[in-house]
Amino acid sequence: MTHHIAFLGTGIMGAPMAANLIKAGFTINRDFRPGAPIRNFVKDLDTVLATAGEIGLPQLPIVKAVRDVFKALYDQGHERWDHSAFLLYLEKMNAPTRLGDKANTPPER
């Protein structure tokens, strides 16, 4: 698995934010304590979609798809979890596949 992560760091995932996420190991370590909570992503993506509609761009399918994933996680009670919890959505789609063998680290209440 480490080799796959190292490979990702050679492309666009080598950007500073992505590199920090990879180095921090949020996804591999299943640490979903918030750096950027999902509730912020839903709010921001709702704003993007509303603003786009107001200026005559009612169709932003990729933005809407990403928003819908984060909204689904929000509705499942993960609104305080870090955006890396996107992994949970991917795992649900690809069950029974699961990344890593560690327990999830949710945000503190």
N, C-alpha and C. Protein backbone atom coordinates (compact mmCIF):
# COMPACT_ATOMS: atom_id res chain seq x y z
N MET A 1 0.82 -1.19 0.00
CA MET A 1 0.00 0.00 0.00
C MET A 1 0.87 1.25 0.00
N THR A 2 1.95 1.26 0.74
CA THR A 2 2.81 2.44 0.81
C THR A 2 3.35 2.82 -0.55
N HIS A 3 3.65 1.82 -1.39
CA HIS A 3 4.15 2.09 -2.73
C HIS A 3 3.11 2.83 -3.56
N HIS A 4 1.83 2.46 -3.39
CA HIS A 4 0.76 3.13 -4.13
C HIS A 4 0.66 4.59 -3.71
N ILE A 5 0.77 4.84 -2.42
CA ILE A 5 0.69 6.22 -1.92
C ILE A 5 1.88 7.02 -2.41
N ALA A 6 3.05 6.44 -2.41
CA ALA A 6 4.24 7.14 -2.91
C ALA A 6 4.07 7.49 -4.39
N PHE A 7 3.50 6.58 -5.16
CA PHE A 7 3.26 6.84 -6.58
C PHE A 7 2.31 8.02 -6.77
N LEU A 8 1.23 8.07 -5.98
CA LEU A 8 0.27 9.17 -6.08
C LEU A 8 0.95 10.51 -5.86
N GLY A 9 1.96 10.55 -5.01
CA GLY A 9 2.65 11.79 -4.71
C GLY A 9 3.49 12.33 -5.84
N THR A 10 3.63 11.57 -6.93
CA THR A 10 4.46 12.03 -8.04
C THR A 10 3.68 12.86 -9.05
N GLY A 11 2.37 12.85 -9.00
CA GLY A 11 1.55 13.61 -9.95
C GLY A 11 0.88 14.78 -9.30
N ILE A 12 -0.36 15.02 -9.69
CA ILE A 12 -1.12 16.12 -9.13
C ILE A 12 -1.28 15.97 -7.63
N MET A 13 -1.27 14.72 -7.16
CA MET A 13 -1.38 14.50 -5.72
C MET A 13 -0.13 14.95 -4.98
N GLY A 14 0.90 15.39 -5.72
CA GLY A 14 2.09 15.93 -5.09
C GLY A 14 1.92 17.38 -4.68
N ALA A 15 0.75 17.97 -4.99
CA ALA A 15 0.48 19.35 -4.59
C ALA A 15 0.55 19.46 -3.08
N PRO A 16 0.87 20.65 -2.55
CA PRO A 16 1.08 20.79 -1.10
C PRO A 16 -0.04 20.23 -0.23
N MET A 17 -1.30 20.54 -0.53
CA MET A 17 -2.38 20.05 0.32
C MET A 17 -2.47 18.53 0.27
N ALA A 18 -2.41 17.97 -0.93
CA ALA A 18 -2.50 16.52 -1.07
C ALA A 18 -1.30 15.84 -0.41
N ALA A 19 -0.12 16.41 -0.59
CA ALA A 19 1.08 15.84 0.02
C ALA A 19 0.95 15.83 1.53
N ASN A 20 0.39 16.90 2.09
CA ASN A 20 0.20 16.95 3.55
C ASN A 20 -0.77 15.88 4.01
N LEU A 21 -1.84 15.67 3.26
CA LEU A 21 -2.80 14.63 3.64
C LEU A 21 -2.16 13.26 3.58
N ILE A 22 -1.38 13.01 2.53
CA ILE A 22 -0.72 11.71 2.40
C ILE A 22 0.30 11.52 3.51
N LYS A 23 1.13 12.54 3.75
CA LYS A 23 2.14 12.43 4.81
C LYS A 23 1.50 12.26 6.17
N ALA A 24 0.41 12.96 6.41
CA ALA A 24 -0.26 12.85 7.70
C ALA A 24 -0.89 11.48 7.88
N GLY A 25 -1.18 10.82 6.78
CA GLY A 25 -1.73 9.46 6.86
C GLY A 25 -3.17 9.40 7.32
N PHE A 26 -3.95 10.48 7.12
CA PHE A 26 -5.34 10.46 7.57
C PHE A 26 -6.08 9.25 7.03
N THR A 27 -5.99 9.02 5.75
CA THR A 27 -6.78 7.97 5.14
C THR A 27 -6.29 6.59 5.55
N ILE A 28 -5.00 6.37 5.43
CA ILE A 28 -4.44 5.05 5.75
C ILE A 28 -4.66 4.72 7.23
N ASN A 29 -4.51 5.72 8.07
CA ASN A 29 -4.68 5.50 9.51
C ASN A 29 -6.13 5.61 9.96
N ARG A 30 -7.03 5.92 8.99
CA ARG A 30 -8.46 6.01 9.26
C ARG A 30 -8.75 7.03 10.35
N ASP A 31 -8.00 8.13 10.32
CA ASP A 31 -8.16 9.21 11.30
C ASP A 31 -9.04 10.28 10.67
N PHE A 32 -10.29 10.34 11.11
CA PHE A 32 -11.26 11.23 10.50
C PHE A 32 -11.57 12.45 11.36
N ARG A 33 -10.66 12.74 12.32
CA ARG A 33 -10.85 13.97 13.10
C ARG A 33 -10.68 15.15 12.17
N PRO A 34 -11.50 16.17 12.35
CA PRO A 34 -11.58 17.23 11.34
C PRO A 34 -10.35 18.12 11.23
N GLY A 35 -9.94 18.28 9.97
CA GLY A 35 -9.07 19.36 9.56
C GLY A 35 -9.99 20.31 8.81
N ALA A 36 -10.84 19.70 7.98
CA ALA A 36 -11.87 20.42 7.23
C ALA A 36 -13.13 19.57 7.32
N PRO A 37 -14.04 19.89 8.23
CA PRO A 37 -15.21 19.05 8.43
C PRO A 37 -16.17 19.04 7.24
N ILE A 38 -16.82 17.91 7.08
CA ILE A 38 -17.75 17.69 5.97
C ILE A 38 -18.84 18.75 5.94
N ARG A 39 -19.30 19.19 7.11
CA ARG A 39 -20.38 20.20 7.11
C ARG A 39 -19.96 21.46 6.37
N ASN A 40 -18.65 21.81 6.43
CA ASN A 40 -18.16 22.98 5.70
C ASN A 40 -18.17 22.74 4.19
N PHE A 41 -17.83 21.53 3.79
CA PHE A 41 -17.82 21.20 2.36
C PHE A 41 -19.24 21.28 1.79
N VAL A 42 -20.22 20.75 2.53
CA VAL A 42 -21.60 20.79 2.05
C VAL A 42 -22.04 22.24 1.91
N LYS A 43 -21.79 23.05 2.93
CA LYS A 43 -22.16 24.47 2.90
C LYS A 43 -21.48 25.18 1.73
N ASP A 44 -20.19 24.97 1.56
CA ASP A 44 -19.46 25.65 0.50
C ASP A 44 -19.90 25.20 -0.90
N LEU A 45 -20.12 23.91 -1.06
CA LEU A 45 -20.55 23.41 -2.37
C LEU A 45 -21.98 23.84 -2.68
N ASP A 46 -22.83 23.96 -1.66
CA ASP A 46 -24.17 24.52 -1.87
C ASP A 46 -24.07 25.96 -2.36
N THR A 47 -23.15 26.71 -1.77
CA THR A 47 -22.94 28.10 -2.18
C THR A 47 -22.44 28.17 -3.63
N VAL A 48 -21.51 27.31 -3.99
CA VAL A 48 -21.00 27.28 -5.36
C VAL A 48 -22.14 27.00 -6.34
N LEU A 49 -22.96 25.99 -6.04
CA LEU A 49 -24.06 25.62 -6.94
C LEU A 49 -25.10 26.74 -7.04
N ALA A 50 -25.42 27.37 -5.92
CA ALA A 50 -26.40 28.47 -5.93
C ALA A 50 -25.87 29.66 -6.72
N THR A 51 -24.62 30.02 -6.49
CA THR A 51 -24.02 31.15 -7.20
C THR A 51 -23.92 30.87 -8.69
N ALA A 52 -23.52 29.66 -9.04
CA ALA A 52 -23.43 29.29 -10.46
C ALA A 52 -24.80 29.42 -11.12
N GLY A 53 -25.85 28.97 -10.44
CA GLY A 53 -27.19 29.10 -10.99
C GLY A 53 -27.60 30.55 -11.19
N GLU A 54 -27.21 31.40 -10.24
CA GLU A 54 -27.54 32.82 -10.32
C GLU A 54 -26.86 33.52 -11.49
N ILE A 55 -25.71 33.03 -11.90
CA ILE A 55 -24.99 33.69 -13.01
C ILE A 55 -25.19 32.95 -14.34
N GLY A 56 -26.15 32.03 -14.35
CA GLY A 56 -26.49 31.37 -15.60
C GLY A 56 -25.77 30.08 -15.90
N LEU A 57 -25.20 29.46 -14.88
CA LEU A 57 -24.54 28.16 -15.04
C LEU A 57 -25.25 27.13 -14.16
N PRO A 58 -26.45 26.74 -14.54
CA PRO A 58 -27.22 25.85 -13.67
C PRO A 58 -26.71 24.41 -13.62
N GLN A 59 -25.85 24.02 -14.54
CA GLN A 59 -25.39 22.63 -14.59
C GLN A 59 -23.90 22.54 -14.32
N LEU A 60 -23.55 22.11 -13.14
CA LEU A 60 -22.17 21.80 -12.77
C LEU A 60 -22.17 20.37 -12.23
N PRO A 61 -22.21 19.39 -13.13
CA PRO A 61 -22.44 18.01 -12.70
C PRO A 61 -21.36 17.42 -11.78
N ILE A 62 -20.12 17.79 -11.99
CA ILE A 62 -19.07 17.24 -11.14
C ILE A 62 -19.16 17.83 -9.74
N VAL A 63 -19.38 19.14 -9.66
CA VAL A 63 -19.54 19.79 -8.35
C VAL A 63 -20.74 19.18 -7.63
N LYS A 64 -21.84 18.99 -8.35
CA LYS A 64 -23.04 18.42 -7.74
C LYS A 64 -22.79 16.98 -7.26
N ALA A 65 -22.07 16.22 -8.04
CA ALA A 65 -21.77 14.83 -7.64
C ALA A 65 -20.95 14.79 -6.36
N VAL A 66 -19.94 15.65 -6.28
CA VAL A 66 -19.11 15.71 -5.07
C VAL A 66 -19.94 16.18 -3.89
N ARG A 67 -20.77 17.21 -4.11
CA ARG A 67 -21.65 17.72 -3.05
C ARG A 67 -22.58 16.61 -2.56
N ASP A 68 -23.12 15.82 -3.48
CA ASP A 68 -24.05 14.75 -3.10
C ASP A 68 -23.37 13.68 -2.24
N VAL A 69 -22.11 13.40 -2.53
CA VAL A 69 -21.37 12.42 -1.71
C VAL A 69 -21.18 12.97 -0.30
N PHE A 70 -20.73 14.22 -0.21
CA PHE A 70 -20.54 14.81 1.12
C PHE A 70 -21.86 14.96 1.87
N LYS A 71 -22.93 15.27 1.15
CA LYS A 71 -24.25 15.38 1.79
C LYS A 71 -24.70 14.02 2.31
N ALA A 72 -24.43 12.96 1.56
CA ALA A 72 -24.78 11.61 2.02
C ALA A 72 -24.02 11.28 3.31
N LEU A 73 -22.74 11.61 3.36
CA LEU A 73 -21.95 11.39 4.58
C LEU A 73 -22.49 12.24 5.73
N TYR A 74 -22.86 13.48 5.43
CA TYR A 74 -23.45 14.38 6.42
C TYR A 74 -24.72 13.75 6.98
N ASP A 75 -25.58 13.29 6.09
CA ASP A 75 -26.85 12.70 6.51
C ASP A 75 -26.67 11.41 7.31
N GLN A 76 -25.53 10.75 7.15
CA GLN A 76 -25.23 9.53 7.90
C GLN A 76 -24.59 9.84 9.26
N GLY A 77 -24.50 11.13 9.61
CA GLY A 77 -23.97 11.51 10.91
C GLY A 77 -22.50 11.84 10.93
N HIS A 78 -21.88 12.01 9.77
CA HIS A 78 -20.44 12.29 9.70
C HIS A 78 -20.15 13.77 9.46
N GLU A 79 -21.09 14.65 9.81
CA GLU A 79 -20.93 16.07 9.49
C GLU A 79 -19.70 16.70 10.14
N ARG A 80 -19.24 16.15 11.25
CA ARG A 80 -18.07 16.70 11.94
C ARG A 80 -16.77 16.01 11.52
N TRP A 81 -16.88 14.96 10.72
CA TRP A 81 -15.71 14.19 10.32
C TRP A 81 -14.93 14.97 9.26
N ASP A 82 -13.65 14.67 9.15
CA ASP A 82 -12.79 15.27 8.14
C ASP A 82 -13.24 14.83 6.75
N HIS A 83 -12.93 15.67 5.76
CA HIS A 83 -13.31 15.35 4.38
C HIS A 83 -12.67 14.05 3.88
N SER A 84 -11.62 13.57 4.54
CA SER A 84 -11.03 12.29 4.14
C SER A 84 -11.99 11.13 4.40
N ALA A 85 -13.09 11.39 5.10
CA ALA A 85 -14.11 10.36 5.30
C ALA A 85 -14.80 10.00 3.99
N PHE A 86 -14.46 10.72 2.91
CA PHE A 86 -14.90 10.34 1.57
C PHE A 86 -14.59 8.86 1.35
N LEU A 87 -13.51 8.40 1.99
CA LEU A 87 -13.13 6.99 1.92
C LEU A 87 -14.28 6.08 2.35
N LEU A 88 -15.03 6.47 3.36
CA LEU A 88 -16.14 5.64 3.83
C LEU A 88 -17.18 5.44 2.73
N TYR A 89 -17.43 6.49 1.97
CA TYR A 89 -18.37 6.40 0.85
C TYR A 89 -17.84 5.44 -0.21
N LEU A 90 -16.56 5.56 -0.54
CA LEU A 90 -15.96 4.67 -1.54
C LEU A 90 -15.97 3.22 -1.08
N GLU A 91 -15.69 3.01 0.20
CA GLU A 91 -15.70 1.65 0.73
C GLU A 91 -17.11 1.05 0.68
N LYS A 92 -18.11 1.88 0.97
CA LYS A 92 -19.49 1.38 0.92
C LYS A 92 -19.84 0.96 -0.50
N MET A 93 -19.38 1.73 -1.49
CA MET A 93 -19.63 1.39 -2.89
C MET A 93 -18.90 0.12 -3.31
N ASN A 94 -17.76 -0.14 -2.69
CA ASN A 94 -16.90 -1.25 -3.09
C ASN A 94 -16.83 -2.36 -2.05
N ALA A 95 -17.84 -2.44 -1.20
CA ALA A 95 -17.85 -3.45 -0.14
C ALA A 95 -17.64 -4.83 -0.74
N PRO A 96 -16.90 -5.67 -0.08
CA PRO A 96 -16.39 -5.59 1.28
C PRO A 96 -14.98 -5.00 1.39
N THR A 97 -14.47 -4.40 0.34
CA THR A 97 -13.11 -3.84 0.37
C THR A 97 -13.01 -2.74 1.42
N ARG A 98 -11.92 -2.77 2.19
CA ARG A 98 -11.67 -1.77 3.23
C ARG A 98 -10.18 -1.47 3.24
N LEU A 99 -9.85 -0.19 3.31
CA LEU A 99 -8.44 0.22 3.35
C LEU A 99 -7.93 0.14 4.78
N GLY A 100 -6.90 -0.63 4.98
CA GLY A 100 -6.27 -0.73 6.29
C GLY A 100 -7.05 -1.60 7.26
N ASP A 101 -6.40 -1.89 8.38
CA ASP A 101 -7.03 -2.75 9.37
C ASP A 101 -7.24 -2.04 10.70
N LYS A 102 -6.97 -0.74 10.73
CA LYS A 102 -7.16 0.02 11.96
C LYS A 102 -8.62 0.41 12.12
N ALA A 103 -8.98 0.69 13.37
CA ALA A 103 -10.33 1.18 13.65
C ALA A 103 -10.43 2.64 13.22
N ASN A 104 -11.63 3.08 12.89
CA ASN A 104 -11.83 4.49 12.55
C ASN A 104 -11.60 5.37 13.77
N THR A 105 -10.99 6.53 13.57
CA THR A 105 -10.84 7.51 14.63
C THR A 105 -11.78 8.67 14.30
N PRO A 106 -12.97 8.67 14.94
CA PRO A 106 -13.92 9.75 14.66
C PRO A 106 -13.55 11.00 15.44
N PRO A 107 -14.20 12.12 15.11
CA PRO A 107 -13.96 13.34 15.88
C PRO A 107 -14.44 13.15 17.31
N GLU A 108 -13.84 13.89 18.21
CA GLU A 108 -14.30 13.85 19.60
C GLU A 108 -15.60 14.61 19.70
N ARG A 109 -16.47 14.18 20.55
CA ARG A 109 -17.77 14.85 20.75
C ARG A 109 -17.64 16.00 21.68
